[in-house]
Amino acid sequence: MEKVRELPPVSFSYSGQLVDNRRAPADFIQFWLRKGAHVVIYGHWVCRWPPPWAVLVLAAGGAGCWPG
């Protein structure tokens, strides 16, 4: 917690609440952990696009049912 307080002052509004590294370091850390998890989860999802079943549909001639 002390290391977070030693950072330059950072505060921003998120979801109607103030996130501030000096006043609430635990909330600040929790915010960045959640955002990091989102990056990992969505990054994994994007890297697996198109999903394996979509490739099978396209290979079977189902291109007309695929959007785009």
PDB file of N, CA and C in Angstrom:
ATOM      1  N   MET A   1       0.816  -1.186   0.000  1.00  0.00           N
ATOM      2  CA  MET A   1       0.000   0.000   0.000  1.00  0.00           C
ATOM      3  C   MET A   1       0.867   1.259   0.000  1.00  0.00           C
ATOM      4  N   GLU A   2       1.960   1.173   0.696  1.00  0.00           N
ATOM      5  CA  GLU A   2       2.831   2.353   0.784  1.00  0.00           C
ATOM      6  C   GLU A   2       3.407   2.722  -0.582  1.00  0.00           C
ATOM      7  N   LYS A   3       3.738   1.703  -1.373  1.00  0.00           N
ATOM      8  CA  LYS A   3       4.286   1.969  -2.720  1.00  0.00           C
ATOM      9  C   LYS A   3       3.266   2.696  -3.595  1.00  0.00           C
ATOM     10  N   VAL A   4       1.997   2.349  -3.443  1.00  0.00           N
ATOM     11  CA  VAL A   4       0.949   3.021  -4.226  1.00  0.00           C
ATOM     12  C   VAL A   4       0.833   4.471  -3.789  1.00  0.00           C
ATOM     13  N   ARG A   5       0.936   4.726  -2.520  1.00  0.00           N
ATOM     14  CA  ARG A   5       0.855   6.107  -2.017  1.00  0.00           C
ATOM     15  C   ARG A   5       2.061   6.939  -2.450  1.00  0.00           C
ATOM     16  N   GLU A   6       3.188   6.271  -2.730  1.00  0.00           N
ATOM     17  CA  GLU A   6       4.388   6.998  -3.154  1.00  0.00           C
ATOM     18  C   GLU A   6       4.326   7.431  -4.618  1.00  0.00           C
ATOM     19  N   LEU A   7       3.404   6.843  -5.384  1.00  0.00           N
ATOM     20  CA  LEU A   7       3.242   7.252  -6.782  1.00  0.00           C
ATOM     21  C   LEU A   7       2.779   8.704  -6.847  1.00  0.00           C
ATOM     22  N   PRO A   8       2.993   9.362  -7.980  1.00  0.00           N
ATOM     23  CA  PRO A   8       2.436  10.715  -8.134  1.00  0.00           C
ATOM     24  C   PRO A   8       0.919  10.661  -7.945  1.00  0.00           C
ATOM     25  N   PRO A   9       0.320  11.739  -7.485  1.00  0.00           N
ATOM     26  CA  PRO A   9      -1.131  11.724  -7.246  1.00  0.00           C
ATOM     27  C   PRO A   9      -1.909  11.381  -8.519  1.00  0.00           C
ATOM     28  N   VAL A  10      -2.745  10.376  -8.400  1.00  0.00           N
ATOM     29  CA  VAL A  10      -3.589   9.947  -9.514  1.00  0.00           C
ATOM     30  C   VAL A  10      -5.003   9.785  -8.982  1.00  0.00           C
ATOM     31  N   SER A  11      -5.944  10.453  -9.615  1.00  0.00           N
ATOM     32  CA  SER A  11      -7.347  10.256  -9.255  1.00  0.00           C
ATOM     33  C   SER A  11      -8.196  10.417 -10.504  1.00  0.00           C
ATOM     34  N   PHE A  12      -9.263   9.629 -10.564  1.00  0.00           N
ATOM     35  CA  PHE A  12     -10.189   9.706 -11.687  1.00  0.00           C
ATOM     36  C   PHE A  12     -11.526   9.152 -11.245  1.00  0.00           C
ATOM     37  N   SER A  13     -12.540   9.502 -11.986  1.00  0.00           N
ATOM     38  CA  SER A  13     -13.886   9.032 -11.708  1.00  0.00           C
ATOM     39  C   SER A  13     -14.146   7.786 -12.537  1.00  0.00           C
ATOM     40  N   TYR A  14     -14.661   6.757 -11.892  1.00  0.00           N
ATOM     41  CA  TYR A  14     -14.998   5.521 -12.586  1.00  0.00           C
ATOM     42  C   TYR A  14     -16.299   4.999 -12.007  1.00  0.00           C
ATOM     43  N   SER A  15     -17.271   4.823 -12.863  1.00  0.00           N
ATOM     44  CA  SER A  15     -18.578   4.307 -12.449  1.00  0.00           C
ATOM     45  C   SER A  15     -19.181   5.145 -11.321  1.00  0.00           C
ATOM     46  N   GLY A  16     -18.996   6.455 -11.422  1.00  0.00           N
ATOM     47  CA  GLY A  16     -19.583   7.365 -10.445  1.00  0.00           C
ATOM     48  C   GLY A  16     -18.838   7.469  -9.133  1.00  0.00           C
ATOM     49  N   GLN A  17     -17.698   6.817  -9.017  1.00  0.00           N
ATOM     50  CA  GLN A  17     -16.924   6.863  -7.773  1.00  0.00           C
ATOM     51  C   GLN A  17     -15.523   7.371  -8.070  1.00  0.00           C
ATOM     52  N   LEU A  18     -14.956   8.057  -7.098  1.00  0.00           N
ATOM     53  CA  LEU A  18     -13.604   8.577  -7.242  1.00  0.00           C
ATOM     54  C   LEU A  18     -12.596   7.487  -6.881  1.00  0.00           C
ATOM     55  N   VAL A  19     -11.651   7.250  -7.778  1.00  0.00           N
ATOM     56  CA  VAL A  19     -10.556   6.310  -7.515  1.00  0.00           C
ATOM     57  C   VAL A  19      -9.313   7.166  -7.320  1.00  0.00           C
ATOM     58  N   ASP A  20      -8.701   7.068  -6.150  1.00  0.00           N
ATOM     59  CA  ASP A  20      -7.576   7.927  -5.794  1.00  0.00           C
ATOM     60  C   ASP A  20      -6.493   7.087  -5.128  1.00  0.00           C
ATOM     61  N   ASN A  21      -5.272   7.164  -5.648  1.00  0.00           N
ATOM     62  CA  ASN A  21      -4.207   6.323  -5.107  1.00  0.00           C
ATOM     63  C   ASN A  21      -3.725   6.778  -3.731  1.00  0.00           C
ATOM     64  N   ARG A  22      -3.976   8.000  -3.349  1.00  0.00           N
ATOM     65  CA  ARG A  22      -3.530   8.473  -2.036  1.00  0.00           C
ATOM     66  C   ARG A  22      -4.588   8.228  -0.955  1.00  0.00           C
ATOM     67  N   ARG A  23      -5.846   8.468  -1.289  1.00  0.00           N
ATOM     68  CA  ARG A  23      -6.918   8.327  -0.289  1.00  0.00           C
ATOM     69  C   ARG A  23      -7.384   6.890  -0.121  1.00  0.00           C
ATOM     70  N   ALA A  24      -7.404   6.145  -1.207  1.00  0.00           N
ATOM     71  CA  ALA A  24      -7.903   4.763  -1.156  1.00  0.00           C
ATOM     72  C   ALA A  24      -7.020   3.862  -2.011  1.00  0.00           C
ATOM     73  N   PRO A  25      -5.821   3.545  -1.525  1.00  0.00           N
ATOM     74  CA  PRO A  25      -4.907   2.729  -2.331  1.00  0.00           C
ATOM     75  C   PRO A  25      -5.444   1.329  -2.636  1.00  0.00           C
ATOM     76  N   ALA A  26      -6.219   0.756  -1.731  1.00  0.00           N
ATOM     77  CA  ALA A  26      -6.776  -0.580  -1.991  1.00  0.00           C
ATOM     78  C   ALA A  26      -7.745  -0.532  -3.164  1.00  0.00           C
ATOM     79  N   ASP A  27      -8.583   0.487  -3.239  1.00  0.00           N
ATOM     80  CA  ASP A  27      -9.506   0.634  -4.366  1.00  0.00           C
ATOM     81  C   ASP A  27      -8.744   0.855  -5.668  1.00  0.00           C
ATOM     82  N   PHE A  28      -7.659   1.619  -5.599  1.00  0.00           N
ATOM     83  CA  PHE A  28      -6.816   1.892  -6.760  1.00  0.00           C
ATOM     84  C   PHE A  28      -6.208   0.595  -7.287  1.00  0.00           C
ATOM     85  N   ILE A  29      -5.679  -0.226  -6.395  1.00  0.00           N
ATOM     86  CA  ILE A  29      -5.081  -1.510  -6.775  1.00  0.00           C
ATOM     87  C   ILE A  29      -6.148  -2.438  -7.347  1.00  0.00           C
ATOM     88  N   GLN A  30      -7.318  -2.488  -6.688  1.00  0.00           N
ATOM     89  CA  GLN A  30      -8.398  -3.345  -7.161  1.00  0.00           C
ATOM     90  C   GLN A  30      -8.849  -2.933  -8.563  1.00  0.00           C
ATOM     91  N   PHE A  31      -8.934  -1.638  -8.827  1.00  0.00           N
ATOM     92  CA  PHE A  31      -9.321  -1.157 -10.146  1.00  0.00           C
ATOM     93  C   PHE A  31      -8.359  -1.682 -11.204  1.00  0.00           C
ATOM     94  N   TRP A  32      -7.055  -1.550 -10.970  1.00  0.00           N
ATOM     95  CA  TRP A  32      -6.075  -1.972 -11.978  1.00  0.00           C
ATOM     96  C   TRP A  32      -5.999  -3.487 -12.117  1.00  0.00           C
ATOM     97  N   LEU A  33      -6.255  -4.218 -11.034  1.00  0.00           N
ATOM     98  CA  LEU A  33      -6.311  -5.682 -11.152  1.00  0.00           C
ATOM     99  C   LEU A  33      -7.502  -6.108 -12.014  1.00  0.00           C
ATOM    100  N   ARG A  34      -8.662  -5.456 -11.787  1.00  0.00           N
ATOM    101  CA  ARG A  34      -9.840  -5.772 -12.607  1.00  0.00           C
ATOM    102  C   ARG A  34      -9.592  -5.440 -14.063  1.00  0.00           C
ATOM    103  N   LYS A  35      -9.013  -4.281 -14.337  1.00  0.00           N
ATOM    104  CA  LYS A  35      -8.748  -3.889 -15.725  1.00  0.00           C
ATOM    105  C   LYS A  35      -7.729  -4.829 -16.374  1.00  0.00           C
ATOM    106  N   GLY A  36      -6.738  -5.245 -15.611  1.00  0.00           N
ATOM    107  CA  GLY A  36      -5.758  -6.200 -16.134  1.00  0.00           C
ATOM    108  C   GLY A  36      -6.408  -7.535 -16.475  1.00  0.00           C
ATOM    109  N   ALA A  37      -7.329  -7.980 -15.629  1.00  0.00           N
ATOM    110  CA  ALA A  37      -8.045  -9.226 -15.902  1.00  0.00           C
ATOM    111  C   ALA A  37      -8.882  -9.100 -17.175  1.00  0.00           C
ATOM    112  N   HIS A  38      -9.509  -7.942 -17.366  1.00  0.00           N
ATOM    113  CA  HIS A  38     -10.285  -7.726 -18.591  1.00  0.00           C
ATOM    114  C   HIS A  38      -9.390  -7.818 -19.822  1.00  0.00           C
ATOM    115  N   VAL A  39      -8.225  -7.231 -19.757  1.00  0.00           N
ATOM    116  CA  VAL A  39      -7.303  -7.269 -20.897  1.00  0.00           C
ATOM    117  C   VAL A  39      -6.911  -8.717 -21.210  1.00  0.00           C
ATOM    118  N   VAL A  40      -6.624  -9.489 -20.181  1.00  0.00           N
ATOM    119  CA  VAL A  40      -6.223 -10.887 -20.388  1.00  0.00           C
ATOM    120  C   VAL A  40      -7.380 -11.701 -20.967  1.00  0.00           C
ATOM    121  N   ILE A  41      -8.565 -11.557 -20.373  1.00  0.00           N
ATOM    122  CA  ILE A  41      -9.719 -12.347 -20.820  1.00  0.00           C
ATOM    123  C   ILE A  41     -10.117 -11.967 -22.234  1.00  0.00           C
ATOM    124  N   TYR A  42     -10.292 -10.672 -22.495  1.00  0.00           N
ATOM    125  CA  TYR A  42     -10.715 -10.253 -23.827  1.00  0.00           C
ATOM    126  C   TYR A  42      -9.602 -10.459 -24.855  1.00  0.00           C
ATOM    127  N   GLY A  43      -8.369 -10.310 -24.452  1.00  0.00           N
ATOM    128  CA  GLY A  43      -7.264 -10.570 -25.357  1.00  0.00           C
ATOM    129  C   GLY A  43      -7.233 -12.025 -25.788  1.00  0.00           C
ATOM    130  N   HIS A  44      -7.486 -12.917 -24.850  1.00  0.00           N
ATOM    131  CA  HIS A  44      -7.535 -14.340 -25.178  1.00  0.00           C
ATOM    132  C   HIS A  44      -8.691 -14.617 -26.130  1.00  0.00           C
ATOM    133  N   TRP A  45      -9.846 -13.985 -25.880  1.00  0.00           N
ATOM    134  CA  TRP A  45     -11.023 -14.185 -26.727  1.00  0.00           C
ATOM    135  C   TRP A  45     -10.754 -13.690 -28.148  1.00  0.00           C
ATOM    136  N   VAL A  46     -10.151 -12.522 -28.275  1.00  0.00           N
ATOM    137  CA  VAL A  46      -9.876 -11.958 -29.592  1.00  0.00           C
ATOM    138  C   VAL A  46      -8.865 -12.810 -30.344  1.00  0.00           C
ATOM    139  N   CYS A  47      -7.860 -13.313 -29.649  1.00  0.00           N
ATOM    140  CA  CYS A  47      -6.835 -14.134 -30.308  1.00  0.00           C
ATOM    141  C   CYS A  47      -7.410 -15.458 -30.808  1.00  0.00           C
ATOM    142  N   ARG A  48      -8.512 -15.872 -30.247  1.00  0.00           N
ATOM    143  CA  ARG A  48      -9.136 -17.122 -30.687  1.00  0.00           C
ATOM    144  C   ARG A  48     -10.223 -16.861 -31.717  1.00  0.00           C
ATOM    145  N   TRP A  49     -10.313 -15.662 -32.277  1.00  0.00           N
ATOM    146  CA  TRP A  49     -11.349 -15.344 -33.260  1.00  0.00           C
ATOM    147  C   TRP A  49     -10.844 -15.640 -34.652  1.00  0.00           C
ATOM    148  N   PRO A  50     -11.495 -16.229 -35.564  1.00  0.00           N
ATOM    149  CA  PRO A  50     -12.833 -16.790 -35.377  1.00  0.00           C
ATOM    150  C   PRO A  50     -12.771 -18.083 -34.573  1.00  0.00           C
ATOM    151  N   PRO A  51     -13.849 -18.394 -33.886  1.00  0.00           N
ATOM    152  CA  PRO A  51     -13.855 -19.628 -33.091  1.00  0.00           C
ATOM    153  C   PRO A  51     -13.767 -20.852 -33.997  1.00  0.00           C
ATOM    154  N   PRO A  52     -13.284 -21.966 -33.477  1.00  0.00           N
ATOM    155  CA  PRO A  52     -13.092 -23.164 -34.310  1.00  0.00           C
ATOM    156  C   PRO A  52     -14.353 -23.604 -35.047  1.00  0.00           C
ATOM    157  N   TRP A  53     -15.513 -23.483 -34.417  1.00  0.00           N
ATOM    158  CA  TRP A  53     -16.743 -23.910 -35.092  1.00  0.00           C
ATOM    159  C   TRP A  53     -17.044 -23.037 -36.308  1.00  0.00           C
ATOM    160  N   ALA A  54     -16.659 -21.763 -36.290  1.00  0.00           N
ATOM    161  CA  ALA A  54     -16.920 -20.876 -37.429  1.00  0.00           C
ATOM    162  C   ALA A  54     -16.111 -21.319 -38.647  1.00  0.00           C
ATOM    163  N   VAL A  55     -14.913 -21.787 -38.414  1.00  0.00           N
ATOM    164  CA  VAL A  55     -14.077 -22.266 -39.514  1.00  0.00           C
ATOM    165  C   VAL A  55     -14.738 -23.484 -40.166  1.00  0.00           C
ATOM    166  N   LEU A  56     -15.317 -24.356 -39.353  1.00  0.00           N
ATOM    167  CA  LEU A  56     -16.008 -25.530 -39.891  1.00  0.00           C
ATOM    168  C   LEU A  56     -17.238 -25.124 -40.702  1.00  0.00           C
ATOM    169  N   VAL A  57     -17.983 -24.136 -40.237  1.00  0.00           N
ATOM    170  CA  VAL A  57     -19.163 -23.657 -40.961  1.00  0.00           C
ATOM    171  C   VAL A  57     -18.753 -23.084 -42.307  1.00  0.00           C
ATOM    172  N   LEU A  58     -17.715 -22.273 -42.300  1.00  0.00           N
ATOM    173  CA  LEU A  58     -17.245 -21.674 -43.550  1.00  0.00           C
ATOM    174  C   LEU A  58     -16.710 -22.740 -44.503  1.00  0.00           C
ATOM    175  N   ALA A  59     -16.007 -23.734 -43.974  1.00  0.00           N
ATOM    176  CA  ALA A  59     -15.454 -24.796 -44.818  1.00  0.00           C
ATOM    177  C   ALA A  59     -16.552 -25.656 -45.424  1.00  0.00           C
ATOM    178  N   ALA A  60     -17.687 -25.737 -44.736  1.00  0.00           N
ATOM    179  CA  ALA A  60     -18.808 -26.541 -45.229  1.00  0.00           C
ATOM    180  C   ALA A  60     -19.670 -25.753 -46.231  1.00  0.00           C
ATOM    181  N   GLY A  61     -19.248 -24.535 -46.560  1.00  0.00           N
ATOM    182  CA  GLY A  61     -20.000 -23.755 -47.531  1.00  0.00           C
ATOM    183  C   GLY A  61     -21.056 -22.871 -46.904  1.00  0.00           C
ATOM    184  N   GLY A  62     -20.966 -22.627 -45.637  1.00  0.00           N
ATOM    185  CA  GLY A  62     -21.969 -21.812 -44.954  1.00  0.00           C
ATOM    186  C   GLY A  62     -21.618 -20.343 -44.899  1.00  0.00           C
ATOM    187  N   ALA A  63     -20.864 -19.855 -45.884  1.00  0.00           N
ATOM    188  CA  ALA A  63     -20.434 -18.454 -45.870  1.00  0.00           C
ATOM    189  C   ALA A  63     -21.609 -17.497 -45.937  1.00  0.00           C
ATOM    190  N   GLY A  64     -22.740 -17.932 -46.543  1.00  0.00           N
ATOM    191  CA  GLY A  64     -23.899 -17.065 -46.657  1.00  0.00           C
ATOM    192  C   GLY A  64     -24.552 -16.770 -45.316  1.00  0.00           C
ATOM    193  N   CYS A  65     -24.323 -17.592 -44.316  1.00  0.00           N
ATOM    194  CA  CYS A  65     -24.942 -17.375 -43.016  1.00  0.00           C
ATOM    195  C   CYS A  65     -24.034 -16.612 -42.068  1.00  0.00           C
ATOM    196  N   TRP A  66     -22.808 -16.330 -42.480  1.00  0.00           N
ATOM    197  CA  TRP A  66     -21.852 -15.634 -41.616  1.00  0.00           C
ATOM    198  C   TRP A  66     -21.930 -14.140 -41.876  1.00  0.00           C
ATOM    199  N   PRO A  67     -22.140 -13.301 -40.829  1.00  0.00           N
ATOM    200  CA  PRO A  67     -22.267 -11.868 -41.054  1.00  0.00           C
ATOM    201  C   PRO A  67     -20.963 -11.269 -41.595  1.00  0.00           C
ATOM    202  N   GLY A  68     -21.103 -10.268 -42.436  1.00  0.00           N
ATOM    203  CA  GLY A  68     -19.937  -9.549 -42.925  1.00  0.00           C
ATOM    204  C   GLY A  68     -19.552 -10.043 -44.252  1.00  0.00           C
TER     205      GLY A  68
END
